[in-house]
């Protein structure tokens, strides 16, 4: 049976590689946790708006909800575009 000697430097290299792997894993998880579709209550909270304002955005064509089983879902990218256009203060 072969015996390998592990030095402090070996352990330090292992620690650094492990930390890099963990950071990479977390970065991948953060990107995938963004939902593609949001429910009405999530959109209202994100935009800090009322139910009526959200309904007006849909009626005026600024947001296009998909209705599935009686529940409206809003595409995250569409909300992002709305926010990036600088219309947060002028949503209705």
PDB file of N, CA and C in Angstrom:
ATOM      1  N   UNK A   1       0.831  -1.170   0.000  1.00  0.00           N
ATOM      2  CA  UNK A   1       0.000   0.000   0.000  1.00  0.00           C
ATOM      3  C   UNK A   1       0.881   1.241   0.000  1.00  0.00           C
ATOM      4  N   UNK A   2       0.570   2.162  -0.951  1.00  0.00           N
ATOM      5  CA  UNK A   2       1.365   3.384  -1.067  1.00  0.00           C
ATOM      6  C   UNK A   2       0.861   4.430  -0.098  1.00  0.00           C
ATOM      7  N   UNK A   3       1.766   5.142   0.472  1.00  0.00           N
ATOM      8  CA  UNK A   3       1.425   6.207   1.410  1.00  0.00           C
ATOM      9  C   UNK A   3       1.777   7.535   0.755  1.00  0.00           C
ATOM     10  N   UNK A   4       0.791   8.457   0.747  1.00  0.00           N
ATOM     11  CA  UNK A   4       1.036   9.787   0.217  1.00  0.00           C
ATOM     12  C   UNK A   4       1.078  10.773   1.365  1.00  0.00           C
ATOM     13  N   UNK A   5       2.024  11.661   1.307  1.00  0.00           N
ATOM     14  CA  UNK A   5       2.151  12.678   2.337  1.00  0.00           C
ATOM     15  C   UNK A   5       1.493  13.960   1.818  1.00  0.00           C
ATOM     16  N   UNK A   6       0.623  14.501   2.622  1.00  0.00           N
ATOM     17  CA  UNK A   6      -0.075  15.734   2.262  1.00  0.00           C
ATOM     18  C   UNK A   6       0.525  16.863   3.092  1.00  0.00           C
ATOM     19  N   UNK A   7       0.947  17.896   2.384  1.00  0.00           N
ATOM     20  CA  UNK A   7       1.565  19.036   3.065  1.00  0.00           C
ATOM     21  C   UNK A   7       0.532  20.145   3.281  1.00  0.00           C
ATOM     22  N   UNK A   8       0.936  21.131   4.034  1.00  0.00           N
ATOM     23  CA  UNK A   8       0.069  22.284   4.255  1.00  0.00           C
ATOM     24  C   UNK A   8      -0.200  23.012   2.939  1.00  0.00           C
ATOM     25  N   UNK A   9       0.796  23.065   2.077  1.00  0.00           N
ATOM     26  CA  UNK A   9       0.614  23.701   0.764  1.00  0.00           C
ATOM     27  C   UNK A   9      -0.437  22.954  -0.069  1.00  0.00           C
ATOM     28  N   UNK A  10      -0.405  21.628  -0.008  1.00  0.00           N
ATOM     29  CA  UNK A  10      -1.410  20.835  -0.724  1.00  0.00           C
ATOM     30  C   UNK A  10      -2.819  21.159  -0.211  1.00  0.00           C
ATOM     31  N   UNK A  11      -2.942  21.245   1.100  1.00  0.00           N
ATOM     32  CA  UNK A  11      -4.239  21.567   1.686  1.00  0.00           C
ATOM     33  C   UNK A  11      -4.689  22.980   1.307  1.00  0.00           C
ATOM     34  N   UNK A  12      -3.766  23.905   1.268  1.00  0.00           N
ATOM     35  CA  UNK A  12      -4.096  25.278   0.893  1.00  0.00           C
ATOM     36  C   UNK A  12      -4.550  25.339  -0.567  1.00  0.00           C
ATOM     37  N   UNK A  13      -3.883  24.621  -1.445  1.00  0.00           N
ATOM     38  CA  UNK A  13      -4.289  24.564  -2.853  1.00  0.00           C
ATOM     39  C   UNK A  13      -5.678  23.934  -2.991  1.00  0.00           C
ATOM     40  N   UNK A  14      -5.910  22.899  -2.243  1.00  0.00           N
ATOM     41  CA  UNK A  14      -7.220  22.249  -2.258  1.00  0.00           C
ATOM     42  C   UNK A  14      -8.302  23.213  -1.789  1.00  0.00           C
ATOM     43  N   UNK A  15      -8.012  23.932  -0.710  1.00  0.00           N
ATOM     44  CA  UNK A  15      -8.968  24.906  -0.171  1.00  0.00           C
ATOM     45  C   UNK A  15      -9.301  25.973  -1.211  1.00  0.00           C
ATOM     46  N   UNK A  16      -8.301  26.499  -1.886  1.00  0.00           N
ATOM     47  CA  UNK A  16      -8.522  27.538  -2.885  1.00  0.00           C
ATOM     48  C   UNK A  16      -9.333  27.016  -4.076  1.00  0.00           C
ATOM     49  N   UNK A  17      -9.023  25.804  -4.519  1.00  0.00           N
ATOM     50  CA  UNK A  17      -9.793  25.214  -5.625  1.00  0.00           C
ATOM     51  C   UNK A  17     -11.240  24.971  -5.208  1.00  0.00           C
ATOM     52  N   UNK A  18     -11.423  24.504  -3.983  1.00  0.00           N
ATOM     53  CA  UNK A  18     -12.768  24.259  -3.472  1.00  0.00           C
ATOM     54  C   UNK A  18     -13.568  25.558  -3.385  1.00  0.00           C
ATOM     55  N   UNK A  19     -12.950  26.617  -2.889  1.00  0.00           N
ATOM     56  CA  UNK A  19     -13.620  27.915  -2.822  1.00  0.00           C
ATOM     57  C   UNK A  19     -13.994  28.426  -4.210  1.00  0.00           C
ATOM     58  N   UNK A  20     -13.106  28.276  -5.175  1.00  0.00           N
ATOM     59  CA  UNK A  20     -13.403  28.685  -6.551  1.00  0.00           C
ATOM     60  C   UNK A  20     -14.585  27.900  -7.106  1.00  0.00           C
ATOM     61  N   UNK A  21     -14.608  26.603  -6.858  1.00  0.00           N
ATOM     62  CA  UNK A  21     -15.717  25.769  -7.328  1.00  0.00           C
ATOM     63  C   UNK A  21     -17.038  26.188  -6.689  1.00  0.00           C
ATOM     64  N   UNK A  22     -17.006  26.497  -5.404  1.00  0.00           N
ATOM     65  CA  UNK A  22     -18.221  26.924  -4.706  1.00  0.00           C
ATOM     66  C   UNK A  22     -18.702  28.260  -5.255  1.00  0.00           C
ATOM     67  N   UNK A  23     -17.787  29.203  -5.468  1.00  0.00           N
ATOM     68  CA  UNK A  23     -18.161  30.507  -6.025  1.00  0.00           C
ATOM     69  C   UNK A  23     -18.784  30.346  -7.410  1.00  0.00           C
ATOM     70  N   UNK A  24     -18.199  29.495  -8.226  1.00  0.00           N
ATOM     71  CA  UNK A  24     -18.731  29.253  -9.567  1.00  0.00           C
ATOM     72  C   UNK A  24     -20.123  28.631  -9.497  1.00  0.00           C
ATOM     73  N   UNK A  25     -20.314  27.692  -8.602  1.00  0.00           N
ATOM     74  CA  UNK A  25     -21.609  27.050  -8.427  1.00  0.00           C
ATOM     75  C   UNK A  25     -22.668  28.057  -7.987  1.00  0.00           C
ATOM     76  N   UNK A  26     -22.327  28.915  -7.030  1.00  0.00           N
ATOM     77  CA  UNK A  26     -23.266  29.926  -6.542  1.00  0.00           C
ATOM     78  C   UNK A  26     -23.613  30.913  -7.643  1.00  0.00           C
ATOM     79  N   UNK A  27     -22.636  31.314  -8.438  1.00  0.00           N
ATOM     80  CA  UNK A  27     -22.889  32.240  -9.537  1.00  0.00           C
ATOM     81  C   UNK A  27     -23.864  31.636 -10.538  1.00  0.00           C
ATOM     82  N   UNK A  28     -23.729  30.357 -10.826  1.00  0.00           N
ATOM     83  CA  UNK A  28     -24.656  29.682 -11.738  1.00  0.00           C
ATOM     84  C   UNK A  28     -26.050  29.616 -11.134  1.00  0.00           C
ATOM     85  N   UNK A  29     -26.145  29.387  -9.821  1.00  0.00           N
ATOM     86  CA  UNK A  29     -27.432  29.297  -9.144  1.00  0.00           C
ATOM     87  C   UNK A  29     -28.135  30.646  -9.149  1.00  0.00           C
ATOM     88  N   UNK A  30     -27.387  31.736  -8.941  1.00  0.00           N
ATOM     89  CA  UNK A  30     -27.984  33.068  -8.918  1.00  0.00           C
ATOM     90  C   UNK A  30     -28.619  33.408 -10.254  1.00  0.00           C
ATOM     91  N   UNK A  31     -27.983  33.034 -11.357  1.00  0.00           N
ATOM     92  CA  UNK A  31     -28.519  33.331 -12.679  1.00  0.00           C
ATOM     93  C   UNK A  31     -29.768  32.517 -12.976  1.00  0.00           C
ATOM     94  N   UNK A  32     -29.860  31.328 -12.440  1.00  0.00           N
ATOM     95  CA  UNK A  32     -30.984  30.466 -12.761  1.00  0.00           C
ATOM     96  C   UNK A  32     -32.176  30.677 -11.823  1.00  0.00           C
ATOM     97  N   UNK A  33     -31.985  31.459 -10.730  1.00  0.00           N
ATOM     98  CA  UNK A  33     -33.083  31.651  -9.799  1.00  0.00           C
ATOM     99  C   UNK A  33     -34.068  32.723 -10.254  1.00  0.00           C
ATOM    100  N   UNK A  34     -33.715  33.480 -11.284  1.00  0.00           N
ATOM    101  CA  UNK A  34     -34.634  34.481 -11.800  1.00  0.00           C
ATOM    102  C   UNK A  34     -35.758  33.764 -12.538  1.00  0.00           C
ATOM    103  N   UNK A  35     -36.972  34.009 -12.102  1.00  0.00           N
ATOM    104  CA  UNK A  35     -38.117  33.376 -12.739  1.00  0.00           C
ATOM    105  C   UNK A  35     -38.371  34.028 -14.093  1.00  0.00           C
ATOM    106  N   UNK A  36     -38.825  33.232 -15.046  1.00  0.00           N
ATOM    107  CA  UNK A  36     -39.175  33.774 -16.351  1.00  0.00           C
ATOM    108  C   UNK A  36     -40.570  34.368 -16.331  1.00  0.00           C
ATOM    109  N   UNK A  37     -41.436  33.822 -15.505  1.00  0.00           N
ATOM    110  CA  UNK A  37     -42.826  34.276 -15.421  1.00  0.00           C
ATOM    111  C   UNK A  37     -43.156  34.589 -13.972  1.00  0.00           C
ATOM    112  N   UNK A  38     -43.844  35.719 -13.762  1.00  0.00           N
ATOM    113  CA  UNK A  38     -44.200  36.153 -12.420  1.00  0.00           C
ATOM    114  C   UNK A  38     -45.717  36.260 -12.288  1.00  0.00           C
ATOM    115  N   UNK A  39     -46.205  35.953 -11.118  1.00  0.00           N
ATOM    116  CA  UNK A  39     -47.639  36.103 -10.845  1.00  0.00           C
ATOM    117  C   UNK A  39     -47.924  37.565 -10.504  1.00  0.00           C
ATOM    118  N   UNK A  40     -49.195  37.914 -10.529  1.00  0.00           N
ATOM    119  CA  UNK A  40     -49.606  39.304 -10.326  1.00  0.00           C
ATOM    120  C   UNK A  40     -49.053  39.892  -9.030  1.00  0.00           C
ATOM    121  N   UNK A  41     -49.154  39.150  -7.939  1.00  0.00           N
ATOM    122  CA  UNK A  41     -48.698  39.694  -6.656  1.00  0.00           C
ATOM    123  C   UNK A  41     -47.194  39.964  -6.655  1.00  0.00           C
ATOM    124  N   UNK A  42     -46.430  39.163  -7.392  1.00  0.00           N
ATOM    125  CA  UNK A  42     -44.986  39.383  -7.473  1.00  0.00           C
ATOM    126  C   UNK A  42     -44.669  40.639  -8.286  1.00  0.00           C
ATOM    127  N   UNK A  43     -45.424  40.849  -9.360  1.00  0.00           N
ATOM    128  CA  UNK A  43     -45.227  42.036 -10.197  1.00  0.00           C
ATOM    129  C   UNK A  43     -45.601  43.292  -9.410  1.00  0.00           C
ATOM    130  N   UNK A  44     -46.715  43.241  -8.699  1.00  0.00           N
ATOM    131  CA  UNK A  44     -47.147  44.400  -7.911  1.00  0.00           C
ATOM    132  C   UNK A  44     -46.111  44.757  -6.854  1.00  0.00           C
ATOM    133  N   UNK A  45     -45.538  43.751  -6.229  1.00  0.00           N
ATOM    134  CA  UNK A  45     -44.524  44.002  -5.205  1.00  0.00           C
ATOM    135  C   UNK A  45     -43.251  44.561  -5.843  1.00  0.00           C
ATOM    136  N   UNK A  46     -42.854  44.006  -6.982  1.00  0.00           N
ATOM    137  CA  UNK A  46     -41.637  44.436  -7.664  1.00  0.00           C
ATOM    138  C   UNK A  46     -41.742  45.894  -8.124  1.00  0.00           C
ATOM    139  N   UNK A  47     -42.906  46.257  -8.672  1.00  0.00           N
ATOM    140  CA  UNK A  47     -43.096  47.599  -9.210  1.00  0.00           C
ATOM    141  C   UNK A  47     -43.689  48.572  -8.197  1.00  0.00           C
ATOM    142  N   UNK A  48     -44.081  48.037  -7.035  1.00  0.00           N
ATOM    143  CA  UNK A  48     -44.703  48.836  -5.988  1.00  0.00           C
ATOM    144  C   UNK A  48     -45.944  49.553  -6.532  1.00  0.00           C
ATOM    145  N   UNK A  49     -46.850  48.768  -7.109  1.00  0.00           N
ATOM    146  CA  UNK A  49     -48.071  49.308  -7.703  1.00  0.00           C
ATOM    147  C   UNK A  49     -49.285  48.559  -7.164  1.00  0.00           C
ATOM    148  N   UNK A  50     -50.449  49.127  -7.408  1.00  0.00           N
ATOM    149  CA  UNK A  50     -51.699  48.512  -6.949  1.00  0.00           C
ATOM    150  C   UNK A  50     -52.230  47.553  -8.012  1.00  0.00           C
ATOM    151  N   UNK A  51     -53.266  46.830  -7.631  1.00  0.00           N
ATOM    152  CA  UNK A  51     -53.922  45.908  -8.552  1.00  0.00           C
ATOM    153  C   UNK A  51     -54.491  46.665  -9.747  1.00  0.00           C
ATOM    154  N   UNK A  52     -55.093  47.824  -9.489  1.00  0.00           N
ATOM    155  CA  UNK A  52     -55.678  48.627 -10.561  1.00  0.00           C
ATOM    156  C   UNK A  52     -54.632  49.114 -11.553  1.00  0.00           C
ATOM    157  N   UNK A  53     -53.488  49.528 -11.049  1.00  0.00           N
ATOM    158  CA  UNK A  53     -52.412  49.995 -11.926  1.00  0.00           C
ATOM    159  C   UNK A  53     -51.891  48.849 -12.784  1.00  0.00           C
ATOM    160  N   UNK A  54     -51.758  47.687 -12.198  1.00  0.00           N
ATOM    161  CA  UNK A  54     -51.311  46.525 -12.963  1.00  0.00           C
ATOM    162  C   UNK A  54     -52.320  46.192 -14.058  1.00  0.00           C
ATOM    163  N   UNK A  55     -53.581  46.281 -13.731  1.00  0.00           N
ATOM    164  CA  UNK A  55     -54.632  46.022 -14.716  1.00  0.00           C
ATOM    165  C   UNK A  55     -54.574  47.065 -15.840  1.00  0.00           C
ATOM    166  N   UNK A  56     -54.352  48.325 -15.490  1.00  0.00           N
ATOM    167  CA  UNK A  56     -54.230  49.373 -16.505  1.00  0.00           C
ATOM    168  C   UNK A  56     -53.036  49.142 -17.430  1.00  0.00           C
ATOM    169  N   UNK A  57     -51.928  48.661 -16.875  1.00  0.00           N
ATOM    170  CA  UNK A  57     -50.764  48.358 -17.711  1.00  0.00           C
ATOM    171  C   UNK A  57     -51.103  47.283 -18.733  1.00  0.00           C
ATOM    172  N   UNK A  58     -51.884  46.307 -18.312  1.00  0.00           N
ATOM    173  CA  UNK A  58     -52.279  45.236 -19.234  1.00  0.00           C
ATOM    174  C   UNK A  58     -53.272  45.766 -20.279  1.00  0.00           C
ATOM    175  N   UNK A  59     -54.231  46.569 -19.847  1.00  0.00           N
ATOM    176  CA  UNK A  59     -55.240  47.116 -20.762  1.00  0.00           C
ATOM    177  C   UNK A  59     -54.585  48.029 -21.799  1.00  0.00           C
ATOM    178  N   UNK A  60     -53.622  48.845 -21.368  1.00  0.00           N
ATOM    179  CA  UNK A  60     -52.953  49.791 -22.261  1.00  0.00           C
ATOM    180  C   UNK A  60     -51.872  49.138 -23.121  1.00  0.00           C
ATOM    181  N   UNK A  61     -51.650  47.846 -22.947  1.00  0.00           N
ATOM    182  CA  UNK A  61     -50.703  47.124 -23.781  1.00  0.00           C
ATOM    183  C   UNK A  61     -49.246  47.258 -23.383  1.00  0.00           C
ATOM    184  N   UNK A  62     -48.986  47.785 -22.194  1.00  0.00           N
ATOM    185  CA  UNK A  62     -47.595  47.897 -21.735  1.00  0.00           C
ATOM    186  C   UNK A  62     -47.088  46.575 -21.186  1.00  0.00           C
ATOM    187  N   UNK A  63     -47.992  45.751 -20.675  1.00  0.00           N
ATOM    188  CA  UNK A  63     -47.672  44.397 -20.233  1.00  0.00           C
ATOM    189  C   UNK A  63     -48.663  43.445 -20.889  1.00  0.00           C
ATOM    190  N   UNK A  64     -48.200  42.257 -21.196  1.00  0.00           N
ATOM    191  CA  UNK A  64     -49.044  41.271 -21.873  1.00  0.00           C
ATOM    192  C   UNK A  64     -49.090  39.987 -21.049  1.00  0.00           C
ATOM    193  N   UNK A  65     -50.049  39.894 -20.132  1.00  0.00           N
ATOM    194  CA  UNK A  65     -50.110  38.702 -19.284  1.00  0.00           C
ATOM    195  C   UNK A  65     -50.585  37.478 -20.062  1.00  0.00           C
ATOM    196  N   UNK A  66     -50.114  36.333 -19.626  1.00  0.00           N
ATOM    197  CA  UNK A  66     -50.594  35.046 -20.143  1.00  0.00           C
ATOM    198  C   UNK A  66     -51.489  34.474 -19.059  1.00  0.00           C
ATOM    199  N   UNK A  67     -52.707  34.165 -19.411  1.00  0.00           N
ATOM    200  CA  UNK A  67     -53.647  33.650 -18.421  1.00  0.00           C
ATOM    201  C   UNK A  67     -53.674  32.131 -18.502  1.00  0.00           C
ATOM    202  N   UNK A  68     -53.325  31.503 -17.403  1.00  0.00           N
ATOM    203  CA  UNK A  68     -53.298  30.045 -17.332  1.00  0.00           C
ATOM    204  C   UNK A  68     -54.085  29.628 -16.098  1.00  0.00           C
ATOM    205  N   UNK A  69     -55.158  28.911 -16.331  1.00  0.00           N
ATOM    206  CA  UNK A  69     -55.987  28.442 -15.215  1.00  0.00           C
ATOM    207  C   UNK A  69     -56.541  29.562 -14.371  1.00  0.00           C
ATOM    208  N   UNK A  70     -56.855  30.695 -14.994  1.00  0.00           N
ATOM    209  CA  UNK A  70     -57.410  31.819 -14.264  1.00  0.00           C
ATOM    210  C   UNK A  70     -56.387  32.685 -13.554  1.00  0.00           C
ATOM    211  N   UNK A  71     -55.110  32.395 -13.721  1.00  0.00           N
ATOM    212  CA  UNK A  71     -54.051  33.161 -13.070  1.00  0.00           C
ATOM    213  C   UNK A  71     -53.239  33.867 -14.149  1.00  0.00           C
ATOM    214  N   UNK A  72     -53.033  35.173 -13.964  1.00  0.00           N
ATOM    215  CA  UNK A  72     -52.222  35.950 -14.905  1.00  0.00           C
ATOM    216  C   UNK A  72     -50.743  35.793 -14.567  1.00  0.00           C
ATOM    217  N   UNK A  73     -49.961  35.510 -15.595  1.00  0.00           N
ATOM    218  CA  UNK A  73     -48.511  35.440 -15.468  1.00  0.00           C
ATOM    219  C   UNK A  73     -47.900  36.500 -16.372  1.00  0.00           C
ATOM    220  N   UNK A  74     -46.884  37.188 -15.867  1.00  0.00           N
ATOM    221  CA  UNK A  74     -46.230  38.256 -16.604  1.00  0.00           C
ATOM    222  C   UNK A  74     -44.784  37.855 -16.877  1.00  0.00           C
ATOM    223  N   UNK A  75     -44.342  38.106 -18.100  1.00  0.00           N
ATOM    224  CA  UNK A  75     -42.987  37.739 -18.507  1.00  0.00           C
ATOM    225  C   UNK A  75     -41.996  38.689 -17.834  1.00  0.00           C
ATOM    226  N   UNK A  76     -40.997  38.135 -17.159  1.00  0.00           N
ATOM    227  CA  UNK A  76     -40.020  38.921 -16.415  1.00  0.00           C
ATOM    228  C   UNK A  76     -39.285  39.909 -17.319  1.00  0.00           C
ATOM    229  N   UNK A  77     -38.907  39.476 -18.514  1.00  0.00           N
ATOM    230  CA  UNK A  77     -38.163  40.350 -19.432  1.00  0.00           C
ATOM    231  C   UNK A  77     -38.991  41.565 -19.825  1.00  0.00           C
ATOM    232  N   UNK A  78     -40.299  41.391 -19.979  1.00  0.00           N
ATOM    233  CA  UNK A  78     -41.171  42.498 -20.326  1.00  0.00           C
ATOM    234  C   UNK A  78     -41.210  43.529 -19.197  1.00  0.00           C
ATOM    235  N   UNK A  79     -41.204  43.069 -17.967  1.00  0.00           N
ATOM    236  CA  UNK A  79     -41.191  43.971 -16.816  1.00  0.00           C
ATOM    237  C   UNK A  79     -39.852  44.687 -16.732  1.00  0.00           C
ATOM    238  N   UNK A  80     -38.780  43.964 -16.995  1.00  0.00           N
ATOM    239  CA  UNK A  80     -37.448  44.551 -17.001  1.00  0.00           C
ATOM    240  C   UNK A  80     -37.352  45.668 -18.040  1.00  0.00           C
ATOM    241  N   UNK A  81     -37.895  45.436 -19.226  1.00  0.00           N
ATOM    242  CA  UNK A  81     -37.894  46.447 -20.289  1.00  0.00           C
ATOM    243  C   UNK A  81     -38.666  47.674 -19.838  1.00  0.00           C
ATOM    244  N   UNK A  82     -39.800  47.452 -19.198  1.00  0.00           N
ATOM    245  CA  UNK A  82     -40.618  48.555 -18.703  1.00  0.00           C
ATOM    246  C   UNK A  82     -39.846  49.381 -17.683  1.00  0.00           C
ATOM    247  N   UNK A  83     -39.146  48.709 -16.788  1.00  0.00           N
ATOM    248  CA  UNK A  83     -38.361  49.416 -15.772  1.00  0.00           C
ATOM    249  C   UNK A  83     -37.173  50.137 -16.393  1.00  0.00           C
ATOM    250  N   UNK A  84     -36.493  49.503 -17.328  1.00  0.00           N
ATOM    251  CA  UNK A  84     -35.319  50.114 -17.956  1.00  0.00           C
ATOM    252  C   UNK A  84     -35.696  51.303 -18.837  1.00  0.00           C
ATOM    253  N   UNK A  85     -36.937  51.358 -19.279  1.00  0.00           N
ATOM    254  CA  UNK A  85     -37.381  52.474 -20.102  1.00  0.00           C
ATOM    255  C   UNK A  85     -37.599  53.731 -19.252  1.00  0.00           C
ATOM    256  N   UNK A  86     -37.426  53.593 -17.958  1.00  0.00           N
ATOM    257  CA  UNK A  86     -37.573  54.747 -17.076  1.00  0.00           C
ATOM    258  C   UNK A  86     -39.011  55.140 -16.836  1.00  0.00           C
ATOM    259  N   UNK A  87     -39.925  54.188 -16.942  1.00  0.00           N
ATOM    260  CA  UNK A  87     -41.330  54.517 -16.785  1.00  0.00           C
ATOM    261  C   UNK A  87     -41.874  54.099 -15.419  1.00  0.00           C
ATOM    262  N   UNK A  88     -41.001  53.745 -14.497  1.00  0.00           N
ATOM    263  CA  UNK A  88     -41.494  53.278 -13.196  1.00  0.00           C
ATOM    264  C   UNK A  88     -42.366  54.330 -12.513  1.00  0.00           C
ATOM    265  N   UNK A  89     -41.989  55.586 -12.606  1.00  0.00           N
ATOM    266  CA  UNK A  89     -42.784  56.634 -11.996  1.00  0.00           C
ATOM    267  C   UNK A  89     -44.031  56.968 -12.787  1.00  0.00           C
ATOM    268  N   UNK A  90     -44.086  56.553 -14.053  1.00  0.00           N
ATOM    269  CA  UNK A  90     -45.208  56.882 -14.933  1.00  0.00           C
ATOM    270  C   UNK A  90     -45.858  55.620 -15.464  1.00  0.00           C
ATOM    271  N   UNK A  91     -46.069  54.628 -14.621  1.00  0.00           N
ATOM    272  CA  UNK A  91     -46.561  53.337 -15.080  1.00  0.00           C
ATOM    273  C   UNK A  91     -47.968  53.384 -15.642  1.00  0.00           C
ATOM    274  N   UNK A  92     -48.830  54.218 -15.109  1.00  0.00           N
ATOM    275  CA  UNK A  92     -50.216  54.181 -15.590  1.00  0.00           C
ATOM    276  C   UNK A  92     -50.492  55.164 -16.688  1.00  0.00           C
TER     277      UNK A  92
END
